Every structure is written in structure tokens, then in C-alpha cells.
Protein backbone atom coordinates (compact mmCIF):
# COMPACT_ATOMS: atom_id res chain seq x y z
CA MET A 1 11.45 -13.06 15.19
CA ASN A 2 12.94 -10.15 17.16
CA ARG A 3 15.49 -9.80 14.36
CA PHE A 4 12.68 -8.14 12.41
CA ALA A 5 11.93 -5.58 15.14
CA THR A 6 12.63 -2.71 12.72
CA SER A 7 9.70 -3.83 10.55
CA ARG A 8 7.21 -3.93 13.43
CA LYS A 9 5.55 -0.77 12.10
CA LEU A 10 4.11 -2.92 9.33
CA TRP A 11 1.47 -3.98 11.82
CA TRP A 12 0.10 -0.44 12.05
CA GLY A 13 -1.68 -1.37 8.85
CA ILE A 14 -4.16 -3.46 10.86
CA PRO A 15 -5.76 -0.48 12.70
CA LEU A 16 -5.98 1.38 9.38
CA LEU A 17 -7.57 -1.69 7.75
CA LEU A 18 -10.23 -1.95 10.44
CA LEU A 19 -10.82 1.81 10.38
CA VAL A 20 -11.32 1.83 6.60
CA LEU A 21 -13.75 -1.09 6.81
CA TRP A 22 -15.67 0.68 9.59
CA VAL A 23 -15.90 3.95 7.68
CA ALA A 24 -17.05 2.08 4.57
CA GLY A 25 -19.63 0.13 6.58
CA SER A 26 -18.02 -3.25 5.84
CA LEU A 27 -16.48 -4.07 9.21
CA LEU A 28 -19.48 -6.16 10.28
CA PRO A 29 -22.05 -8.09 8.18
CA ALA A 30 -25.16 -6.25 7.10
CA ASN A 31 -28.39 -7.25 8.79
CA GLU A 32 -30.42 -8.10 5.68
CA ILE A 33 -33.56 -10.13 6.28
CA GLY A 34 -33.58 -13.48 4.51
CA ILE A 35 -29.88 -13.40 3.54
CA PRO A 36 -27.62 -15.60 5.70
CA GLN A 37 -24.40 -13.96 6.87
CA ALA A 38 -21.24 -15.24 8.47
CA PRO A 39 -20.95 -14.53 12.21
CA ALA A 40 -19.38 -11.26 13.33
CA VAL A 41 -16.27 -13.02 14.65
CA THR A 42 -15.55 -14.27 11.12
CA TRP A 43 -15.95 -10.82 9.57
CA LEU A 44 -13.66 -9.27 12.17
CA SER A 45 -11.02 -12.01 12.10
CA LEU A 46 -10.75 -12.67 8.37
CA PRO A 47 -9.20 -9.35 7.26
CA VAL A 48 -6.74 -9.40 10.19
CA VAL A 49 -5.65 -12.97 9.38
CA ARG A 50 -5.32 -12.07 5.70
CA PHE A 51 -3.11 -9.14 6.65
CA ALA A 52 -0.85 -11.36 8.77
CA ARG A 53 -0.78 -13.97 5.99
CA ASP A 54 0.34 -11.39 3.43
CA ILE A 55 3.15 -10.22 5.70
CA ALA A 56 4.30 -13.80 6.39
CA ALA A 57 4.17 -14.63 2.68
CA ALA A 58 6.16 -11.53 1.73
CA VAL A 59 8.85 -12.14 4.36
CA THR A 60 9.15 -15.81 3.36
CA LEU A 61 9.64 -14.89 -0.29
CA GLY A 62 12.05 -12.15 0.76
CA CYS A 63 14.10 -14.61 2.82
CA VAL A 64 14.44 -17.06 -0.06
CA LEU A 65 15.22 -14.29 -2.56
CA VAL A 66 17.75 -12.46 -0.40
CA GLY A 67 19.30 -15.51 1.21
CA GLY A 68 19.60 -17.51 -1.98
CA LEU A 69 20.15 -14.94 -4.74
CA VAL A 70 20.93 -11.43 -3.45
CA VAL A 71 23.56 -12.41 -0.88
CA PRO A 72 26.73 -13.65 -2.57
CA GLN A 73 27.40 -17.31 -1.80
CA ARG A 74 23.94 -17.54 -0.09
CA SER A 75 23.16 -16.96 3.59
CA VAL A 76 22.39 -19.99 5.76
CA ARG A 77 21.04 -17.68 8.47
CA VAL A 78 18.45 -16.08 6.16
CA LEU A 79 17.40 -19.42 4.68
CA ARG A 80 16.71 -20.66 8.22
CA TRP A 81 14.49 -17.64 8.67
CA ALA A 82 12.63 -18.70 5.52
CA SER A 83 11.69 -22.05 7.09
CA ALA A 84 10.36 -20.37 10.25
CA TRP A 85 8.33 -17.80 8.32
CA ALA A 86 7.00 -20.50 5.97
CA LEU A 87 5.69 -22.40 9.00
CA LEU A 88 3.94 -19.25 10.24
CA TRP A 89 2.59 -18.66 6.73
CA LEU A 90 1.20 -22.22 6.63
CA VAL A 91 -0.54 -21.77 9.99
CA LEU A 92 -2.11 -18.48 8.90
CA VAL A 93 -3.32 -19.95 5.60
CA SER A 94 -4.93 -22.79 7.55
CA VAL A 95 -6.73 -20.33 9.83
CA GLN A 96 -7.77 -18.24 6.83
CA PHE A 97 -9.15 -21.36 5.14
CA ILE A 98 -11.45 -22.11 8.09
CA LEU A 99 -12.58 -18.48 8.24
CA THR A 100 -13.20 -18.48 4.48
CA ILE A 101 -15.43 -21.55 4.77
CA SER A 102 -17.39 -19.78 7.50
CA ASP A 103 -17.60 -16.65 5.33
CA VAL A 104 -18.57 -18.30 2.03
CA LEU A 105 -21.03 -20.79 3.51
CA ALA A 106 -22.31 -18.33 6.16
CA VAL A 107 -21.89 -20.90 8.93
CA PRO A 108 -20.45 -20.70 12.44
CA LEU A 109 -16.80 -21.57 12.97
CA SER A 110 -17.77 -24.82 14.65
CA SER A 111 -19.46 -25.96 11.43
CA ALA A 112 -16.51 -24.77 9.34
CA LEU A 113 -14.23 -27.07 11.37
CA ASP A 114 -16.22 -30.17 10.37
CA PRO A 115 -13.79 -32.56 8.57
CA THR A 116 -16.37 -33.53 5.95
CA THR A 117 -17.00 -29.89 5.08
CA ILE A 118 -13.27 -29.16 4.91
CA TRP A 119 -12.59 -32.10 2.59
CA SER A 120 -15.50 -31.32 0.28
CA VAL A 121 -14.44 -27.67 -0.04
CA LEU A 122 -10.81 -28.65 -0.72
CA THR A 123 -11.68 -31.13 -3.44
CA GLN A 124 -14.89 -29.86 -5.01
CA VAL A 125 -14.83 -26.04 -4.84
CA ASP A 126 -12.49 -23.74 -6.79
CA VAL A 127 -11.73 -21.71 -3.66
CA GLY A 128 -10.68 -24.88 -1.87
CA ARG A 129 -8.39 -25.93 -4.72
CA VAL A 130 -6.64 -22.55 -4.55
CA PHE A 131 -6.03 -23.08 -0.84
CA LEU A 132 -4.76 -26.60 -1.52
CA TRP A 133 -2.31 -25.10 -4.03
CA GLN A 134 -1.13 -22.71 -1.34
CA PHE A 135 -0.78 -25.44 1.29
CA ILE A 136 1.43 -27.51 -0.99
CA GLY A 137 3.51 -24.54 -2.19
CA VAL A 138 4.18 -23.17 1.29
CA ALA A 139 5.05 -26.62 2.63
CA VAL A 140 7.53 -27.15 -0.22
CA VAL A 141 9.16 -23.77 0.45
CA GLY A 142 9.50 -24.53 4.15
CA ALA A 143 11.02 -27.94 3.46
CA LEU A 144 13.44 -26.89 0.69
CA SER A 145 14.57 -23.43 1.81
CA GLN A 146 17.50 -24.83 3.78
CA ALA A 147 18.39 -27.17 0.91
CA VAL A 148 19.42 -24.23 -1.30
CA PHE A 149 23.03 -24.95 -2.29
CA SER A 150 23.23 -23.25 -5.68
CA ARG A 151 21.60 -20.49 -7.70
CA VAL A 152 19.60 -23.07 -9.63
CA THR A 153 17.97 -24.52 -6.52
CA ALA A 154 17.49 -20.99 -5.18
CA TRP A 155 15.57 -20.02 -8.30
CA VAL A 156 13.38 -23.13 -7.96
CA VAL A 157 12.44 -22.30 -4.36
CA VAL A 158 11.88 -18.63 -5.24
CA PHE A 159 9.57 -19.68 -8.08
CA VAL A 160 7.54 -21.97 -5.77
CA ALA A 161 7.30 -19.23 -3.12
CA ALA A 162 6.17 -16.70 -5.74
CA ALA A 163 3.53 -19.16 -7.01
CA ALA A 164 2.20 -19.54 -3.47
CA CYS A 165 2.16 -15.74 -3.05
CA LEU A 166 0.06 -15.20 -6.17
CA ALA A 167 -2.46 -17.93 -5.31
CA PRO A 168 -4.89 -15.47 -3.58
CA SER A 169 -5.36 -13.67 -6.93
CA PHE A 170 -7.43 -16.66 -8.08
CA LEU A 171 -9.82 -16.47 -5.14
CA GLY A 172 -13.22 -15.26 -6.27
CA HIS A 173 -12.61 -16.00 -9.93
CA GLY A 174 -13.80 -18.94 -11.89
CA GLY A 175 -10.54 -19.15 -13.80
CA LEU A 176 -8.62 -17.41 -16.53
CA SER A 177 -11.57 -16.93 -18.85
CA GLY A 178 -13.51 -13.99 -20.17
CA GLY A 179 -13.11 -10.66 -18.43
CA HIS A 180 -11.31 -12.23 -15.46
CA ALA A 181 -8.10 -13.00 -17.36
CA VAL A 182 -6.49 -9.56 -17.32
CA ALA A 183 -7.65 -8.89 -13.74
CA THR A 184 -6.29 -12.20 -12.47
CA ILE A 185 -2.94 -12.00 -14.25
CA SER A 186 -2.32 -8.38 -13.32
CA LEU A 187 -3.24 -9.05 -9.69
CA SER A 188 -0.89 -12.06 -9.64
CA ILE A 189 2.01 -9.95 -10.89
CA HIS A 190 1.11 -7.23 -8.42
CA LEU A 191 1.08 -9.59 -5.43
CA VAL A 192 4.46 -11.10 -6.29
CA SER A 193 6.16 -7.76 -6.94
CA VAL A 194 4.81 -6.27 -3.70
CA SER A 195 5.98 -9.34 -1.78
CA VAL A 196 9.47 -9.05 -3.26
CA TRP A 197 9.63 -5.34 -2.37
CA LEU A 198 8.20 -5.56 1.14
CA GLY A 199 9.64 -8.90 2.20
CA GLY A 200 13.03 -8.26 0.64
CA LEU A 201 13.41 -4.94 2.46
CA ALA A 202 12.44 -6.47 5.81
CA VAL A 203 14.97 -9.27 5.36
CA VAL A 204 17.78 -6.96 4.20
CA VAL A 205 17.32 -4.67 7.19
CA ALA A 206 17.24 -7.63 9.60
CA LEU A 207 20.31 -9.21 8.00
CA LEU A 208 22.40 -6.02 8.01
CA ALA A 209 21.49 -5.36 11.61
CA MET A 210 23.25 -8.62 12.47
CA GLU A 211 25.91 -8.68 9.74
CA PRO A 212 26.66 -5.04 8.80
CA THR A 213 29.74 -6.02 6.82
CA ARG A 214 27.46 -7.37 4.10
CA ALA A 215 26.13 -3.88 3.31
CA GLN A 216 28.55 -3.21 0.47
CA SER A 217 27.52 -6.34 -1.41
CA VAL A 218 23.83 -6.58 -0.49
CA LEU A 219 22.48 -3.00 -0.57
CA PRO A 220 23.32 -2.07 -4.18
CA ARG A 221 22.03 -5.41 -5.47
CA PHE A 222 18.79 -5.30 -3.53
CA SER A 223 18.27 -1.64 -4.42
CA ALA A 224 18.09 -2.62 -8.09
CA VAL A 225 15.67 -5.46 -7.30
CA ALA A 226 13.47 -3.20 -5.18
CA LEU A 227 13.34 -0.52 -7.88
CA GLY A 228 12.20 -3.05 -10.47
CA ALA A 229 9.64 -4.55 -8.09
CA ALA A 230 8.26 -1.08 -7.25
CA ILE A 231 7.80 -0.20 -10.93
CA VAL A 232 6.10 -3.52 -11.69
CA ALA A 233 3.88 -3.21 -8.60
CA ALA A 234 2.72 0.27 -9.62
CA GLU A 235 2.05 -0.65 -13.26
CA SER A 236 0.26 -3.92 -12.51
CA GLY A 237 -1.79 -2.31 -9.75
CA LEU A 238 -3.00 0.48 -12.03
CA LEU A 239 -3.82 -2.04 -14.78
CA ASN A 240 -5.81 -4.17 -12.37
CA SER A 241 -7.70 -1.13 -11.10
CA SER A 242 -8.54 0.06 -14.62
CA VAL A 243 -10.00 -3.37 -15.40
CA ARG A 244 -12.26 -3.28 -12.35
CA LEU A 245 -13.21 0.40 -12.65
CA THR A 246 -14.18 0.68 -16.30
CA GLN A 247 -15.56 4.24 -16.15
CA PRO A 248 -13.65 7.37 -15.04
CA VAL A 249 -16.45 8.51 -12.76
CA LEU A 250 -16.08 5.33 -10.66
CA PHE A 251 -12.69 6.57 -9.45
CA LEU A 252 -14.52 9.56 -7.94
CA THR A 253 -17.66 7.96 -6.56
CA THR A 254 -16.72 4.48 -5.27
CA TRP A 255 -14.82 3.35 -2.22
CA TYR A 256 -12.67 1.18 -4.45
CA GLY A 257 -11.59 4.19 -6.50
CA ALA A 258 -10.68 6.14 -3.37
CA LEU A 259 -8.58 3.26 -2.07
CA VAL A 260 -6.83 2.86 -5.43
CA ILE A 261 -5.76 6.50 -5.26
CA ALA A 262 -4.72 6.00 -1.63
CA LYS A 263 -2.43 3.17 -2.73
CA VAL A 264 -0.94 5.42 -5.40
CA VAL A 265 -0.22 8.02 -2.70
CA PHE A 266 1.47 5.37 -0.56
CA ILE A 267 3.58 4.25 -3.51
CA GLY A 268 4.56 7.88 -4.04
CA TRP A 269 5.75 8.16 -0.46
CA LEU A 270 7.62 4.87 -0.75
CA ALA A 271 9.29 6.13 -3.91
CA TYR A 272 10.34 9.24 -2.00
CA PHE A 273 11.92 7.28 0.82
CA GLY A 274 13.51 4.91 -1.67
CA MET A 275 15.02 7.93 -3.40
CA LEU A 276 16.42 9.10 -0.06
CA GLN A 277 17.91 5.65 0.46
CA ARG A 278 19.68 5.77 -2.89
CA ARG A 279 20.92 9.34 -2.35
CA ARG A 280 21.96 9.19 1.28
CA VAL A 281 22.65 5.57 2.21
CA ILE A 282 24.28 3.72 -0.69
CA PRO A 283 26.75 6.55 -1.53
CA HIS A 284 27.91 6.47 2.12
CA LEU A 285 28.87 2.82 2.25
CA ASP A 286 32.00 2.29 4.29
CA ALA A 287 34.17 -0.70 4.99
CA ASP A 288 32.25 -1.98 8.00
CA GLY A 289 28.76 -0.96 6.84
CA ALA A 290 27.95 0.96 10.03
CA VAL A 291 26.87 4.20 8.35
CA SER A 292 24.76 2.52 5.69
CA THR A 293 22.99 0.29 8.23
CA LYS A 294 22.11 3.28 10.42
CA GLY A 295 20.67 5.24 7.51
CA LEU A 296 18.90 2.19 6.09
CA THR A 297 17.19 1.49 9.41
CA ARG A 298 16.07 5.11 9.82
CA TYR A 299 14.39 5.36 6.43
CA ALA A 300 13.20 1.74 6.31
CA THR A 301 11.27 2.15 9.57
CA THR A 302 9.08 4.79 7.94
CA GLU A 303 8.83 2.73 4.75
CA PHE A 304 7.48 -0.20 6.77
CA LEU A 305 4.79 2.03 8.25
CA VAL A 306 3.68 3.15 4.78
CA MET A 307 3.91 -0.40 3.43
CA GLY A 308 1.70 -1.62 6.28
CA PHE A 309 -0.87 1.03 5.41
CA ALA A 310 -0.77 -0.02 1.75
CA VAL A 311 -1.32 -3.69 2.62
CA GLY A 312 -4.22 -2.76 4.88
CA VAL A 313 -5.83 -0.68 2.13
CA ALA A 314 -5.39 -3.53 -0.38
CA ILE A 315 -7.20 -5.99 1.89
CA ALA A 316 -9.97 -3.46 2.50
CA MET A 317 -10.39 -3.13 -1.26
CA SER A 318 -10.94 -6.87 -1.64
CA ARG A 319 -13.57 -6.82 1.11
CA ILE A 320 -15.44 -3.72 -0.08
CA GLY A 321 -15.50 -4.49 -3.81
CA PRO A 322 -15.32 -2.18 -6.83
CA LEU A 323 -18.93 -0.99 -6.92
CA ALA A 324 -19.66 0.09 -3.36
CA THR A 325 -20.35 3.84 -3.05
CA PRO A 326 -20.46 5.92 0.16
CA ASN A 327 -23.19 8.25 -1.08
CA ALA A 328 -26.38 7.90 -3.08
CA ASN A 329 -26.96 9.60 -6.47
CA GLY A 330 -23.34 9.17 -7.56
CA ALA A 331 -22.03 11.93 -5.31
CA THR A 332 -18.26 12.27 -5.21
CA ASN A 333 -16.38 10.62 -2.36
CA LEU A 334 -14.59 13.46 -0.57
CA ILE A 335 -11.79 11.10 0.49
CA THR A 336 -10.94 10.79 -3.21
CA VAL A 337 -10.91 14.58 -3.52
CA SER A 338 -8.54 14.92 -0.55
CA LEU A 339 -6.12 12.45 -2.13
CA LEU A 340 -6.28 14.02 -5.60
CA LEU A 341 -5.96 17.60 -4.35
CA LEU A 342 -3.55 17.12 -1.46
CA GLY A 343 -2.02 13.63 -1.44
CA LEU A 344 -0.80 12.94 -4.97
CA PRO A 345 0.53 16.47 -5.62
CA GLN A 346 2.42 16.35 -2.33
CA CYS A 347 4.18 13.16 -3.41
CA ALA A 348 5.00 14.67 -6.79
CA VAL A 349 6.55 17.76 -5.21
CA LEU A 350 8.58 15.68 -2.77
CA ILE A 351 9.99 13.45 -5.48
CA THR A 352 10.69 16.28 -7.96
CA ASP A 353 11.91 18.75 -5.34
CA ARG A 354 15.14 19.46 -7.21
CA ILE A 355 13.58 19.97 -10.63
CA THR A 356 10.69 22.32 -9.84
CA PRO A 357 10.73 25.15 -12.45
CA THR A 358 12.11 28.39 -11.08
CA TRP A 359 9.17 30.45 -12.31
CA LEU A 360 6.83 28.35 -10.14
CA GLU A 361 8.71 29.20 -6.99
CA ALA A 362 7.13 32.67 -7.11
CA ILE A 363 3.75 31.24 -6.09
CA GLY A 364 5.36 30.28 -2.80
CA GLN A 365 4.76 33.89 -1.81
CA TYR A 366 0.98 33.44 -2.17
CA PRO A 367 0.01 30.08 -0.61
CA GLU A 368 -3.07 31.61 1.03
CA THR A 369 -4.38 32.68 -2.37
CA MET A 370 -3.77 29.21 -3.80
CA ALA A 371 -5.64 27.68 -0.84
CA VAL A 372 -8.71 29.80 -1.68
CA VAL A 373 -8.45 28.96 -5.39
CA ALA A 374 -8.21 25.22 -4.63
CA SER A 375 -11.27 25.45 -2.38
CA VAL A 376 -13.34 27.25 -5.03
CA VAL A 377 -12.34 24.71 -7.69
CA CYS A 378 -13.36 21.76 -5.52
CA ILE A 379 -16.69 23.31 -4.50
CA GLU A 380 -17.58 23.99 -8.14
CA LEU A 381 -16.46 20.65 -9.53
CA PHE A 382 -17.80 18.36 -6.82
CA GLY A 383 -20.48 20.43 -5.12
CA LEU A 384 -22.23 22.37 -7.89
CA ASN A 385 -21.27 19.88 -10.65
CA LEU A 386 -22.06 22.37 -13.42
CA LEU A 387 -19.82 20.60 -15.92
CA ASP A 388 -21.74 17.33 -15.63
CA HIS A 389 -24.75 18.91 -17.36
CA LEU A 390 -22.64 20.30 -20.21
CA VAL A 391 -20.40 17.42 -21.32
CA GLY A 392 -21.77 14.37 -19.50
CA VAL A 393 -20.67 12.56 -16.37
CA GLN A 394 -17.76 10.56 -17.82
CA LEU A 395 -16.04 13.43 -19.67
CA ALA A 396 -16.67 15.69 -16.70
CA ALA A 397 -15.00 13.13 -14.42
CA LEU A 398 -11.86 13.09 -16.59
CA PHE A 399 -11.75 16.89 -16.66
CA ASN A 400 -12.36 17.13 -12.93
CA ILE A 401 -9.55 14.71 -12.10
CA GLY A 402 -7.10 16.54 -14.36
CA LEU A 403 -8.03 20.00 -13.10
CA VAL A 404 -7.90 18.98 -9.43
CA LEU A 405 -4.48 17.38 -9.91
CA LEU A 406 -3.19 20.55 -11.60
CA THR A 407 -4.65 22.78 -8.89
CA GLY A 408 -3.25 20.50 -6.20
CA TRP A 409 0.22 20.58 -7.77
CA LEU A 410 0.26 24.38 -7.81
CA LEU A 411 -0.97 24.40 -4.22
CA ALA A 412 1.72 21.89 -3.20
CA VAL A 413 4.43 24.01 -4.79
CA SER A 414 3.16 27.11 -2.99
CA LEU A 415 3.26 25.25 0.33
CA THR A 416 6.99 24.64 0.01
CA GLY A 417 7.86 28.34 -0.04
CA GLU A 418 8.86 30.75 2.70
CA ARG A 419 5.28 31.26 3.89
CA GLN A 420 4.74 27.54 4.39
CA ARG A 421 3.33 27.58 7.91
CA SER A 422 0.82 30.33 7.13
CA GLY A 423 -0.12 28.58 3.89
CA VAL A 424 -0.65 25.22 5.60
CA ILE A 425 -2.88 26.72 8.28
CA THR A 426 -4.92 28.62 5.70
CA THR A 427 -5.28 25.50 3.55
CA MET A 428 -6.44 23.49 6.56
CA VAL A 429 -9.17 26.03 7.27
CA MET A 430 -10.20 26.15 3.61
CA TRP A 431 -10.26 22.36 3.41
CA VAL A 432 -12.74 22.15 6.30
CA ILE A 433 -14.88 24.80 4.55
CA THR A 434 -14.61 22.88 1.28
CA CYS A 435 -15.81 19.62 2.85
CA GLY A 436 -18.74 21.40 4.46
CA ALA A 437 -19.73 23.27 1.28
CA VAL A 438 -19.46 20.23 -1.02
CA THR A 439 -21.51 18.16 1.41
CA TYR A 440 -24.16 20.89 1.63
CA PHE A 441 -24.57 21.11 -2.14
CA GLN A 442 -24.69 17.31 -2.41
CA THR A 443 -27.54 17.17 0.10
CA THR A 444 -29.61 19.54 -2.08
CA ARG A 445 -29.85 16.90 -4.82
CA PRO A 446 -33.08 14.87 -5.08
CA GLN A 447 -33.05 11.66 -3.02
CA SER A 448 -29.59 12.44 -1.72
CA LEU A 449 -28.03 10.33 1.01
CA ILE A 450 -24.68 11.41 2.43
CA ASP A 451 -22.45 9.15 4.50
CA THR A 452 -21.36 11.36 7.38
CA ARG A 453 -18.56 8.96 8.35
CA ALA A 454 -17.06 9.35 4.89
CA VAL A 455 -17.23 13.14 5.15
CA ALA A 456 -15.57 13.12 8.57
CA ALA A 457 -12.88 10.70 7.34
CA ALA A 458 -12.21 12.91 4.30
CA THR A 459 -11.83 16.00 6.49
CA VAL A 460 -9.37 14.26 8.81
CA THR A 461 -7.46 12.73 5.87
CA GLY A 462 -6.93 16.13 4.27
CA LEU A 463 -5.79 17.70 7.53
CA MET A 464 -3.31 14.88 8.16
CA ILE A 465 -1.84 15.19 4.66
CA LEU A 466 -1.43 18.93 5.11
CA ALA A 467 0.28 18.41 8.46
CA LEU A 468 2.99 16.42 6.66
CA TYR A 469 4.19 19.63 4.99
CA LEU A 470 5.48 20.73 8.35
CA VAL A 471 7.52 17.51 8.62
CA LYS A 472 8.97 17.58 5.12
CA PRO A 473 11.63 20.26 5.74
CA LEU A 474 13.10 18.10 8.50
CA LEU A 475 13.32 15.19 6.08
CA ALA A 476 14.87 17.33 3.38
CA LYS A 477 17.56 18.80 5.63
CA GLU A 478 18.47 15.57 7.34
CA GLN A 479 21.97 14.45 6.43
CA LEU A 480 23.85 11.30 7.16
CA PRO A 481 27.33 11.62 8.60
CA SER A 482 30.17 11.33 6.15
CA PRO A 483 32.01 8.04 5.92
CA LEU A 484 34.66 7.66 8.57
CA PRO A 485 38.15 8.50 7.31
CA GLU A 486 40.71 5.76 6.96
CA PRO A 487 42.78 5.52 10.13
CA SER A 488 46.18 7.07 9.67
CA ALA A 489 49.35 5.16 10.42
CA SER A 490 50.76 5.63 13.89
CA PRO A 491 54.08 7.50 14.07
CA THR A 492 55.52 4.53 15.90
CA GLN A 493 54.64 2.14 13.07
């Protein structure tokens, strides 16, 4: 699989996944008296195996899609890759199935390997039937991927692979009934679209590294597919989140809400790098594809890192659940505040860099002032919480989110001006003060309980986001070389 070396940064999502679970207190089972829990090895292994399974599933679907439909006249090489990745996918699903039995039944792995237990779960439990569906689908994809000889058969294999990719959306649900219908369907669409986007990009980069002459035919076609998949992934993800978080305040107070916003930030960064691809890679296609492949690899490497983070966050969300809160008494999660104030506005400014109103550029002369204003706004809204007593928690949450996003956008614009370095340093200092002040005011509430790991994680998250402003100018000024000129005829010819 060394052909996919460019996408190795996807695996950086595993450390982030484990870190998020540790900060949220879900890395290991809780020691609750009288409630049986799966062994620690199951809790540690299951999210990692799920991560690897998602990557294998995405790459398999990407191989079938690119090799059978995107590449003109199909690619035998890529369809061979599909068989290999399908085998890996099947192995990972099998391991996940054993770990799931151990998790659901709270039994050691040795008991989960009992053939009688395995058969009864496969045939009598809804979770087992979902896994059986996956086993069959993945096996069919692996067997038929090299038998793709036309667009019709390619579509059939793509459909089966997509059905196997969406199977995990049915885990934990009793079926498409009641309130689960919208959540299940939207999650299914989300999983397939993400797999097309992630897996397709990995396969395209690997293919063009070996066959650069295909760039002219493959890149424009996959770019359109990736754009559509990104839009569908964003829309379906937001719909699924709104179904699970039915009240605005839950986006501010729960771990699930913080991770939803983190995924939105990651999508924003991916949209930015996708925009750079369309502006700087596709317009520079040349006859042999050398320039486009070089630019594609450079940007795609960073995209894979962000995609890996997004996959890790998604798996953490499924483990934590939509109702878990870091603090008692409904106190705001400061990680959410860091993403609303610093993360989302940064993405918006990056993407709309060329259309920022001229009159706003003037605030670039006063980034230090904007840093102080942003700090005061956050301390009032999430520390003092005066608005909650006037209009109620839910309306206050909507107002708080809107006001923080507006303040963050103005701050982001100011940090792109001439005084950027001074503004970033000032904002970093003010962000540390903000986290300390908000935490102090939250501790003054009756029966308050503050998760110090969440506060520390929020402080570090904000500082890391701010540090990216110092990298952005390098990204903005980076230019690809112009296409090589056509060789002129020799005087002797």
C-alpha cells in the first residue's frame, strides 16, 4: 500500500481521537458499582479499529468509483487496489465485530470469540444483522471489483460498496422508525459522501503519482465529484446534528456540540484547500501532468491531515454521545467558545479572502483593540451569563452564538492586516485571560463542577488556532510554477 504514502497523514486522526476521548473522560470505562463494563482493552481498541475500518471503507469505495467511473475506459490498476483494500476492510470489520460483542455484552474478548455467542449475535440481534450485511457487501465488492468491464457493472459495484459504507449508521438504532428515521438516513448519506470525498482523493493522488499523464482527464472530473460530495457531507452532517441536539444551548454545553462545531471547522479548512486546488492546480494542467501532480500532492497532504482529524472527531462523537457535558450546571464548554470565536471565523476569512469589504480592512490597524473586545464579550456571555436571566437559556444561546461569530469574524479580519503578528500575540494573551475569567465565574455558581481538562484543552485549542494566522500568509503567497512552454523547433529541423 506504499502507493498511498501521500495519504499517511490520515492516521494522525488516531492520536486526536484518543486525546478527545481522554479529555472527555470516555477513553476508559467508568468504574460504576453494580454496572458491568467491557474490559479496558476493548474500550481502547474499538475506536482505533473503527477509525481504520472507516479509512479502509473510504479507500475501497474511492477505488471502485475512480477506477470504474472517473477514469475514462476504467483503470485495471485501481480496481486491483479495490480488491486489496476490500480484504483489509473485511478483516477490520471482523475485528470490530468481536470488539463490539465484548463492548455490548460487557464480556472479555475470550468470551466474545465463542462461536455460539458469535452466531447468536449475528442471527438474533439487530447489531449482528448489520454486521452480517457489511460482511456480505464487502465480500461482494472484493470479488467483483476486478470484474468491472463497463459503466453498468461499475455502478453496481459502487452501489454495493456505498451500501456497505452506510451500514454503520444503523448500529445503535432499532430501525427506521420514530425519531430515528431522519437521524439514520442523514447519517447514511453523510457516511457515503465523506467516503467518496476522502477515498476518492486518496486514490486520485496515488494514481496520478504513478500515471501523471492521466491528470488532464481525471482531475477535472474528480474535482466536480469531490465538490458535490463535500456539499452533501456538510448538509447531511448538520442535519444529523440538529436532530440529535434539539436545543440551541446543547451546542454550547455538550461535548457532542463542541465536536460538531469542530467538524464544521475542519470542513471549512478542507473547503479552503479544495479552493486552492481548483485555483492553482487544475488551471496549470500541462501535457504530461507533472505540474498538476506536484501541486495536487502538496495540497492533498494537508487535506489528508485535516480529513484524519475529522474522522477521529466523528468516531469520538459516537462514543461520547449527544448528552454528555464536561461541566455541571449547564456551564458552557470553552472548547465550543474557542471554535466559535476563533475557528469558524478564521475559515470564513480564508475562504472569502478576495471578497472582504474594503471598509473592514481598516480594523486591521487595531487588532489589539479587537482582541480586548472579543475577550470582554466572551467573559460576559459565558462567564457572567447576564442574558440568560433576561430572555431564557435557549434564546440566550442563539444570541450568544450569533454575537460570538460576529465578534470572531471582525477579530479574524483584523488579524489579517499589517499588524498581524502583534494582534495574534495580544489575542493569545487575551484568550488565556478569557479562559481563566470564564472558569472563575462558572465556579461561583451553586453546586458548580468544572472539568479542568476541558478548560486546559480549550486554552490550547484557541492558541493553536491563533498560531495558524502566522502560517496563512505563506499559503496565500505560494504559487505554482507556470506550465512549461512548448518546445520550439530546432533550427536543424
